Amino acid sequence: MAPSAPSANWLPGCLDGHPIQRATYQRLIVRVAEYMVRIILRENADPDINEALRGGYAEWFAAHNSSRNTRDQRLSRGRVDVCALLQTIVERGDLIA
């Protein structure tokens, strides 16, 4: 599976007012989306998305110098971005069928 971004501006250049490494963030979102699909198809299980995000870009999702609330908000945004990417490559009807 090699999903591509819907457009060049599919993710922001900064989140929470902090600059992020856009390419790193985008690649991670794609990898986590692929991970989710593989786990679900293989095991019909619930993948640990937060752990995948933290492990893929710890400087952003698990930054020790950020408050817990900030880290939680970043994880929430990461999950939203993963789901948005998946919605661009998987039709809703295919998920229900």
Protein backbone atom coordinates (compact mmCIF):
# COMPACT_ATOMS: atom_id res chain seq x y z
CA MET A 1 0.00 0.00 0.00
CA ALA A 2 1.40 3.37 -0.92
CA PRO A 3 -1.17 6.06 -0.15
CA SER A 4 -0.44 9.55 -1.31
CA ALA A 5 -1.50 12.84 0.16
CA PRO A 6 -4.72 14.33 -1.26
CA SER A 7 -2.91 17.62 -1.92
CA ALA A 8 0.34 19.35 -1.17
CA ASN A 9 -1.26 21.16 1.78
CA TRP A 10 -2.99 18.23 3.44
CA LEU A 11 -1.27 18.85 6.77
CA PRO A 12 -0.35 22.09 8.50
CA GLY A 13 3.17 23.43 8.83
CA CYS A 14 2.62 23.99 12.51
CA LEU A 15 0.36 22.61 15.19
CA ASP A 16 -0.44 24.21 18.52
CA GLY A 17 1.50 27.25 17.27
CA HIS A 18 4.73 25.22 17.15
CA PRO A 19 6.61 24.44 13.95
CA ILE A 20 6.85 20.78 13.08
CA GLN A 21 8.98 18.83 10.67
CA ARG A 22 6.27 18.63 8.02
CA ALA A 23 7.82 15.82 5.96
CA THR A 24 8.50 13.75 9.08
CA TYR A 25 4.93 14.27 10.28
CA GLN A 26 3.41 13.41 6.89
CA ARG A 27 5.50 10.24 6.48
CA LEU A 28 4.51 9.15 9.97
CA ILE A 29 0.80 9.71 9.33
CA VAL A 30 1.06 7.55 6.19
CA ARG A 31 3.01 4.83 8.04
CA VAL A 32 0.51 4.75 10.91
CA ALA A 33 -2.40 4.54 8.46
CA GLU A 34 -0.71 1.60 6.73
CA TYR A 35 -0.04 0.02 10.13
CA MET A 36 -3.69 0.35 11.10
CA VAL A 37 -4.93 -1.26 7.90
CA ARG A 38 -2.45 -4.15 8.15
CA ILE A 39 -3.27 -4.86 11.79
CA ILE A 40 -7.02 -4.69 11.23
CA LEU A 41 -6.90 -6.91 8.15
CA ARG A 42 -4.55 -9.43 9.74
CA GLU A 43 -5.92 -9.70 13.24
CA ASN A 44 -9.22 -7.82 13.26
CA ALA A 45 -7.72 -6.04 16.25
CA ASP A 46 -7.57 -2.49 17.52
CA PRO A 47 -4.07 -1.13 16.80
CA ASP A 48 -2.43 1.14 19.35
CA ILE A 49 -2.35 4.31 17.30
CA ASN A 50 -0.96 6.46 20.10
CA GLU A 51 2.03 4.16 20.54
CA ALA A 52 2.70 4.17 16.81
CA LEU A 53 2.60 7.97 16.74
CA ARG A 54 4.84 8.31 19.79
CA GLY A 55 7.32 5.79 18.44
CA GLY A 56 7.45 7.36 15.00
CA TYR A 57 7.97 10.99 16.02
CA ALA A 58 8.79 11.09 19.71
CA GLU A 59 10.11 14.65 19.53
CA TRP A 60 6.57 15.79 18.77
CA PHE A 61 4.17 13.28 20.29
CA ALA A 62 6.15 12.38 23.42
CA ALA A 63 8.16 15.55 24.03
CA HIS A 64 9.09 15.63 27.71
CA ASN A 65 9.27 19.42 27.67
CA SER A 66 5.57 19.64 26.72
CA SER A 67 2.69 19.40 29.15
CA ARG A 68 0.58 16.26 29.23
CA ASN A 69 -2.35 18.25 27.85
CA THR A 70 -0.23 19.40 24.89
CA ARG A 71 0.95 15.84 24.19
CA ASP A 72 -2.65 14.58 24.40
CA GLN A 73 -3.81 17.27 21.96
CA ARG A 74 -1.02 16.37 19.56
CA LEU A 75 -1.97 12.68 19.73
CA SER A 76 -5.61 13.58 19.13
CA ARG A 77 -4.65 15.64 16.08
CA GLY A 78 -2.42 12.82 14.82
CA ARG A 79 -5.30 10.33 15.09
CA VAL A 80 -7.57 12.74 13.20
CA ASP A 81 -4.95 13.09 10.46
CA VAL A 82 -4.51 9.31 10.19
CA CYS A 83 -8.28 8.84 9.89
CA ALA A 84 -8.53 11.64 7.32
CA LEU A 85 -5.84 9.98 5.24
CA LEU A 86 -7.55 6.61 5.46
CA GLN A 87 -10.83 8.18 4.35
CA THR A 88 -9.13 9.40 1.17
CA ILE A 89 -8.02 5.89 0.20
CA VAL A 90 -10.78 3.64 1.56
CA GLU A 91 -14.41 4.13 0.57
CA ARG A 92 -16.83 4.14 3.50
CA GLY A 93 -18.99 1.49 1.80
CA ASP A 94 -15.97 -0.81 1.59
CA LEU A 95 -15.53 -0.57 5.35
CA ILE A 96 -19.16 -1.41 6.06
CA ALA A 97 -19.46 -4.31 3.58
